[in-house]
Amino acid sequence: MHTTFVTTTRGLDRTSPPMRLYEKAKRLGIWNPSDLDFSQDKKDWQRLSPQEQDLVLRLTSLFQSGEEAVTLDLLPLIMAIAQEGRLEEEMFLTTFLWEEAKHTDFFNRFLVEVAGVSGDLIHYHTPDYRTIFYEALPQALQALRLDASPAAQVRASVTYNMIVEGMLAETGYHAYFTVMQRQNLLPAQRQGINYLKQDESRHIAYGIFLLSRLIAADDSLWQVAEDTFNALVMPAIGIISEGLAAYDPIPFDLSEAEFTDYAMNQFQKRIARLERARGASLDDIYRVTQQAIDHNDA
């Protein structure tokens, strides 16, 4: 039973970071994969060599299953936040499920309409990919159904926001743009990836806020975050190494080191951001998060 409602007691805190992000999501997150014109992409696809097509298919397959995995497993995080009565955070989190589902739609449209692929792409899912997306991600998020404690929320957010989005998705965007911009290829896919990158940047901003809020309130949770990072960072890097190891030479003149270095740099940035939350006040967390939101056009 409900005994009170936020909006008819204290009201919404529209200055809070989650509500600021919610406003951005309403303004910038409304895009439709069905509106993208893939006609030039189809022509570009036909000009790619078999090895080049295979690399783009591999990257797209990893994104496709990753977006579906998050869509399937995200609800327990939303429910955990809702149960705490954090309405502003829950309102913003409702955009996550909508956007992850839209990303699933987007990659599927590319596979079907451009690459002409509707069959099984599971052979691109390497052992380290399975470790993250088949095991760690669903385990961390689904665990919140039975245990919504701060420690469980930290494990879930590190896995989802920091590893899956903050390392792997951002490295994947970097790979896509490296290929597409250098070669001036696949304009509609490039546009969709740019929209998707904006969506994910808001997700990551919230993840950093959530983890910072939790760690500032209980310093022992820093160890939980660090342990989760340490358990997953090598499989995350392994996804990049395993994928590119299938090619010799790597198509598009790509370098494995460029992308593993990029991923590690993203990892180190996340660790540094979260470490600054130790001993900080909630006001400090709000101020730092709002500054980051103001400097991010997503």
Protein backbone atom coordinates (compact mmCIF):
# COMPACT_ATOMS: atom_id res chain seq x y z
CA MET A 1 0.00 0.00 0.00
CA HIS A 2 1.09 3.56 -0.67
CA THR A 3 0.96 5.95 2.26
CA THR A 4 2.17 9.09 0.48
CA PHE A 5 3.38 10.36 -2.88
CA VAL A 6 6.49 12.39 -3.66
CA THR A 7 4.79 14.74 -6.08
CA THR A 8 2.10 15.75 -3.58
CA THR A 9 4.40 16.07 -0.56
CA ARG A 10 7.89 17.39 -1.16
CA GLY A 11 7.58 17.65 -4.95
CA LEU A 12 10.15 16.76 -7.61
CA ASP A 13 13.71 18.01 -7.21
CA ARG A 14 14.24 19.31 -10.71
CA THR A 15 17.77 20.49 -9.89
CA SER A 16 18.96 16.96 -9.00
CA PRO A 17 21.35 15.21 -11.43
CA PRO A 18 18.83 12.47 -12.34
CA MET A 19 16.19 15.05 -13.27
CA ARG A 20 18.74 17.07 -15.23
CA LEU A 21 19.60 13.89 -17.15
CA TYR A 22 15.91 13.12 -17.58
CA GLU A 23 15.40 16.51 -19.23
CA LYS A 24 18.25 15.73 -21.63
CA ALA A 25 16.79 12.30 -22.38
CA LYS A 26 13.42 13.83 -23.25
CA ARG A 27 15.05 16.40 -25.50
CA LEU A 28 17.85 14.41 -27.15
CA GLY A 29 16.81 10.78 -26.86
CA ILE A 30 13.87 10.86 -29.28
CA TRP A 31 15.14 9.27 -32.48
CA ASN A 32 13.71 6.43 -34.54
CA PRO A 33 15.88 3.76 -36.17
CA SER A 34 13.12 3.34 -38.77
CA ASP A 35 13.76 6.90 -39.98
CA LEU A 36 17.38 6.19 -40.97
CA ASP A 37 17.96 5.95 -44.72
CA PHE A 38 20.26 2.98 -45.31
CA SER A 39 20.33 3.30 -49.12
CA GLN A 40 23.95 4.56 -49.27
CA ASP A 41 24.96 2.07 -46.59
CA LYS A 42 23.76 -0.78 -48.80
CA LYS A 43 25.94 0.48 -51.65
CA ASP A 44 28.94 0.90 -49.33
CA TRP A 45 28.42 -2.58 -47.93
CA GLN A 46 28.65 -4.14 -51.39
CA ARG A 47 32.00 -2.43 -51.98
CA LEU A 48 33.59 -3.85 -48.83
CA SER A 49 35.87 -6.87 -49.11
CA PRO A 50 34.76 -10.14 -47.45
CA GLN A 51 37.20 -9.56 -44.58
CA GLU A 52 36.00 -6.01 -44.09
CA GLN A 53 32.39 -7.15 -44.10
CA ASP A 54 33.25 -9.85 -41.58
CA LEU A 55 34.84 -7.36 -39.17
CA VAL A 56 31.84 -5.02 -39.36
CA LEU A 57 29.52 -8.01 -38.86
CA ARG A 58 31.53 -9.11 -35.84
CA LEU A 59 31.38 -5.68 -34.24
CA THR A 60 27.68 -5.33 -35.01
CA SER A 61 26.92 -8.79 -33.63
CA LEU A 62 28.63 -7.94 -30.34
CA PHE A 63 26.61 -4.74 -30.06
CA GLN A 64 23.38 -6.47 -31.11
CA SER A 65 23.52 -9.15 -28.43
CA GLY A 66 24.86 -6.71 -25.84
CA GLU A 67 21.93 -4.34 -26.33
CA GLU A 68 19.48 -7.24 -26.16
CA ALA A 69 21.14 -8.54 -22.99
CA VAL A 70 20.75 -5.21 -21.23
CA THR A 71 17.14 -4.90 -22.41
CA LEU A 72 16.43 -8.33 -20.92
CA ASP A 73 18.22 -7.75 -17.61
CA LEU A 74 17.73 -4.07 -16.74
CA LEU A 75 14.38 -4.13 -14.94
CA PRO A 76 15.70 -5.27 -11.51
CA LEU A 77 17.88 -2.15 -11.26
CA ILE A 78 14.89 0.09 -11.98
CA MET A 79 12.84 -1.83 -9.40
CA ALA A 80 15.58 -1.57 -6.76
CA ILE A 81 15.74 2.22 -7.11
CA ALA A 82 11.94 2.50 -7.15
CA GLN A 83 11.67 0.51 -3.93
CA GLU A 84 13.84 3.10 -2.21
CA GLY A 85 11.40 5.86 -3.19
CA ARG A 86 13.94 7.70 -5.34
CA LEU A 87 11.36 8.95 -7.82
CA GLU A 88 13.66 11.30 -9.74
CA GLU A 89 16.14 8.48 -10.34
CA GLU A 90 13.39 6.05 -11.28
CA MET A 91 11.92 8.53 -13.77
CA PHE A 92 15.26 8.83 -15.52
CA LEU A 93 15.83 5.07 -15.40
CA THR A 94 12.60 4.52 -17.33
CA THR A 95 14.40 6.01 -20.34
CA PHE A 96 17.12 3.35 -20.08
CA LEU A 97 14.86 0.45 -20.97
CA TRP A 98 13.27 2.38 -23.84
CA GLU A 99 16.68 3.34 -25.21
CA GLU A 100 18.30 -0.09 -24.85
CA ALA A 101 15.33 -1.63 -26.66
CA LYS A 102 15.66 1.00 -29.39
CA HIS A 103 19.37 0.19 -29.74
CA THR A 104 18.44 -3.48 -30.17
CA ASP A 105 16.06 -2.43 -32.96
CA PHE A 106 18.74 -0.22 -34.56
CA PHE A 107 21.44 -2.88 -34.88
CA ASN A 108 18.92 -5.45 -36.10
CA ARG A 109 17.85 -3.08 -38.88
CA PHE A 110 21.45 -2.73 -40.03
CA LEU A 111 22.01 -6.48 -40.03
CA VAL A 112 18.83 -7.22 -41.97
CA GLU A 113 18.51 -4.20 -44.26
CA VAL A 114 22.18 -3.52 -45.05
CA ALA A 115 24.16 -6.70 -44.44
CA GLY A 116 21.28 -8.99 -45.41
CA VAL A 117 21.95 -11.23 -42.43
CA SER A 118 19.14 -12.90 -40.52
CA GLY A 119 20.88 -16.11 -39.44
CA ASP A 120 22.99 -17.15 -36.50
CA LEU A 121 25.90 -14.85 -35.58
CA ILE A 122 26.73 -16.62 -32.35
CA HIS A 123 30.11 -17.75 -33.69
CA TYR A 124 31.33 -14.19 -33.08
CA HIS A 125 30.72 -14.59 -29.33
CA THR A 126 34.12 -15.49 -27.89
CA PRO A 127 34.75 -16.96 -24.40
CA ASP A 128 35.43 -13.56 -22.84
CA TYR A 129 32.31 -12.12 -24.47
CA ARG A 130 30.29 -14.94 -22.93
CA THR A 131 31.88 -14.26 -19.53
CA ILE A 132 30.59 -10.69 -19.57
CA PHE A 133 27.26 -10.88 -21.42
CA TYR A 134 26.10 -14.44 -20.83
CA GLU A 135 27.18 -14.59 -17.18
CA ALA A 136 28.38 -11.48 -15.32
CA LEU A 137 25.80 -8.98 -16.62
CA PRO A 138 22.66 -11.07 -16.00
CA GLN A 139 24.00 -12.35 -12.69
CA ALA A 140 24.74 -8.85 -11.36
CA LEU A 141 21.46 -7.30 -12.49
CA GLN A 142 19.14 -10.22 -11.75
CA ALA A 143 20.67 -10.56 -8.27
CA LEU A 144 18.85 -7.32 -7.39
CA ARG A 145 15.56 -9.21 -7.43
CA LEU A 146 16.52 -10.93 -4.17
CA ASP A 147 19.14 -8.53 -2.81
CA ALA A 148 18.75 -4.81 -3.49
CA SER A 149 21.37 -3.81 -0.92
CA PRO A 150 23.84 -1.01 -1.68
CA ALA A 151 26.58 -3.59 -2.26
CA ALA A 152 24.43 -5.42 -4.82
CA GLN A 153 23.61 -2.11 -6.51
CA VAL A 154 27.32 -1.31 -6.73
CA ARG A 155 28.10 -4.66 -8.35
CA ALA A 156 25.23 -4.21 -10.81
CA SER A 157 26.12 -0.63 -11.76
CA VAL A 158 29.84 -1.33 -12.14
CA THR A 159 29.07 -4.29 -14.40
CA TYR A 160 26.45 -2.49 -16.47
CA ASN A 161 27.40 1.19 -16.51
CA MET A 162 31.16 1.05 -16.06
CA ILE A 163 32.24 -2.17 -17.83
CA VAL A 164 29.56 -2.86 -20.44
CA GLU A 165 28.82 0.77 -21.32
CA GLY A 166 31.85 2.68 -20.04
CA MET A 167 34.51 0.34 -21.45
CA LEU A 168 33.06 -1.95 -24.08
CA ALA A 169 30.37 0.19 -25.70
CA GLU A 170 32.58 3.27 -25.83
CA THR A 171 35.43 1.24 -27.33
CA GLY A 172 32.98 -0.21 -29.83
CA TYR A 173 31.85 3.28 -30.84
CA HIS A 174 35.48 4.24 -31.24
CA ALA A 175 36.04 1.25 -33.52
CA TYR A 176 32.94 2.02 -35.60
CA PHE A 177 33.88 5.66 -36.06
CA THR A 178 37.50 4.79 -36.81
CA VAL A 179 36.33 2.56 -39.64
CA MET A 180 33.45 4.68 -40.93
CA GLN A 181 34.98 8.15 -40.71
CA ARG A 182 38.39 7.22 -42.09
CA GLN A 183 36.78 5.42 -45.02
CA ASN A 184 33.71 7.72 -45.31
CA LEU A 185 31.40 4.70 -45.14
CA LEU A 186 27.90 3.80 -43.94
CA PRO A 187 26.45 7.28 -43.26
CA ALA A 188 23.13 6.11 -41.77
CA GLN A 189 24.87 3.63 -39.48
CA ARG A 190 27.25 6.38 -38.45
CA GLN A 191 24.32 8.68 -37.65
CA GLY A 192 22.60 5.97 -35.61
CA ILE A 193 25.78 5.22 -33.68
CA ASN A 194 26.09 8.91 -32.85
CA TYR A 195 22.55 8.94 -31.44
CA LEU A 196 23.27 5.77 -29.55
CA LYS A 197 26.48 7.21 -28.13
CA GLN A 198 24.54 10.17 -26.75
CA ASP A 199 22.04 7.83 -25.09
CA GLU A 200 24.78 5.75 -23.49
CA SER A 201 26.65 8.80 -22.25
CA ARG A 202 23.60 9.71 -20.17
CA HIS A 203 23.46 6.15 -18.82
CA ILE A 204 27.12 6.30 -17.82
CA ALA A 205 26.63 9.71 -16.19
CA TYR A 206 23.88 8.24 -14.05
CA GLY A 207 25.98 5.17 -13.22
CA ILE A 208 28.80 7.39 -11.97
CA PHE A 209 26.28 9.40 -9.95
CA LEU A 210 24.71 6.28 -8.43
CA LEU A 211 28.04 4.70 -7.54
CA SER A 212 29.39 7.98 -6.18
CA ARG A 213 26.29 8.45 -4.03
CA LEU A 214 26.58 4.92 -2.63
CA ILE A 215 30.33 5.07 -2.01
CA ALA A 216 30.12 8.51 -0.39
CA ALA A 217 27.52 7.12 2.02
CA ASP A 218 29.51 3.97 2.85
CA ASP A 219 33.24 3.87 2.15
CA SER A 220 33.34 0.06 2.45
CA LEU A 221 31.50 -0.05 -0.89
CA TRP A 222 34.62 1.25 -2.61
CA GLN A 223 36.14 -2.21 -2.14
CA VAL A 224 33.04 -3.81 -3.67
CA ALA A 225 33.37 -1.56 -6.72
CA GLU A 226 37.10 -2.19 -7.01
CA ASP A 227 36.66 -5.96 -6.70
CA THR A 228 34.01 -5.93 -9.43
CA PHE A 229 36.19 -3.84 -11.71
CA ASN A 230 39.16 -6.15 -11.15
CA ALA A 231 37.11 -9.26 -11.85
CA LEU A 232 35.80 -7.96 -15.17
CA VAL A 233 38.44 -5.70 -16.68
CA MET A 234 40.55 -8.51 -18.17
CA PRO A 235 37.60 -10.32 -19.79
CA ALA A 236 36.51 -6.94 -21.16
CA ILE A 237 39.94 -6.36 -22.71
CA GLY A 238 39.89 -9.99 -23.87
CA ILE A 239 36.77 -9.33 -25.95
CA ILE A 240 38.77 -6.83 -28.00
CA SER A 241 41.84 -9.05 -28.31
CA GLU A 242 39.90 -12.21 -29.15
CA GLY A 243 37.89 -10.45 -31.83
CA LEU A 244 40.80 -8.85 -33.65
CA ALA A 245 42.94 -12.00 -33.37
CA ALA A 246 40.71 -13.56 -36.03
CA TYR A 247 42.25 -11.32 -38.71
CA ASP A 248 45.74 -11.13 -40.18
CA PRO A 249 46.10 -8.43 -41.27
CA ILE A 250 43.30 -6.61 -39.47
CA PRO A 251 40.95 -4.99 -42.02
CA PHE A 252 40.87 -1.20 -42.44
CA ASP A 253 44.47 -1.06 -41.13
CA LEU A 254 43.21 -1.18 -37.55
CA SER A 255 45.56 -1.78 -34.63
CA GLU A 256 44.65 -3.94 -31.64
CA ALA A 257 46.76 -1.74 -29.35
CA GLU A 258 44.76 1.35 -30.30
CA PHE A 259 41.56 -0.19 -28.99
CA THR A 260 42.91 -2.01 -25.95
CA ASP A 261 44.66 1.22 -24.92
CA TYR A 262 41.43 3.14 -25.44
CA ALA A 263 39.47 0.67 -23.32
CA MET A 264 42.03 0.79 -20.51
CA ASN A 265 41.98 4.57 -20.58
CA GLN A 266 38.20 4.53 -20.17
CA PHE A 267 38.58 2.05 -17.28
CA GLN A 268 41.14 4.23 -15.52
CA LYS A 269 38.99 7.35 -15.95
CA ARG A 270 36.03 5.60 -14.32
CA ILE A 271 38.13 4.40 -11.40
CA ALA A 272 39.50 7.91 -10.83
CA ARG A 273 36.02 9.47 -10.93
CA LEU A 274 34.65 7.02 -8.40
CA GLU A 275 37.63 7.22 -6.08
CA ARG A 276 36.98 10.95 -5.67
CA ALA A 277 33.60 10.09 -4.15
CA ARG A 278 35.24 8.54 -1.09
CA GLY A 279 34.56 10.80 1.87
CA ALA A 280 32.65 13.31 -0.24
CA SER A 281 29.36 14.82 0.88
CA LEU A 282 26.13 14.36 -1.05
CA ASP A 283 26.31 18.05 -1.94
CA ASP A 284 29.77 17.41 -3.42
CA ILE A 285 28.41 14.50 -5.46
CA TYR A 286 25.56 16.65 -6.78
CA ARG A 287 27.90 19.51 -7.67
CA VAL A 288 30.47 17.36 -9.49
CA THR A 289 27.77 15.43 -11.36
CA GLN A 290 25.99 18.61 -12.42
CA GLN A 291 29.27 20.04 -13.72
CA ALA A 292 29.83 16.88 -15.76
CA ILE A 293 26.28 17.06 -17.15
CA ASP A 294 26.75 20.71 -18.11
CA HIS A 295 29.95 19.88 -20.01
CA ASN A 296 28.38 16.96 -21.88
CA ASP A 297 26.16 17.83 -24.88
CA ALA A 298 24.41 14.44 -24.67
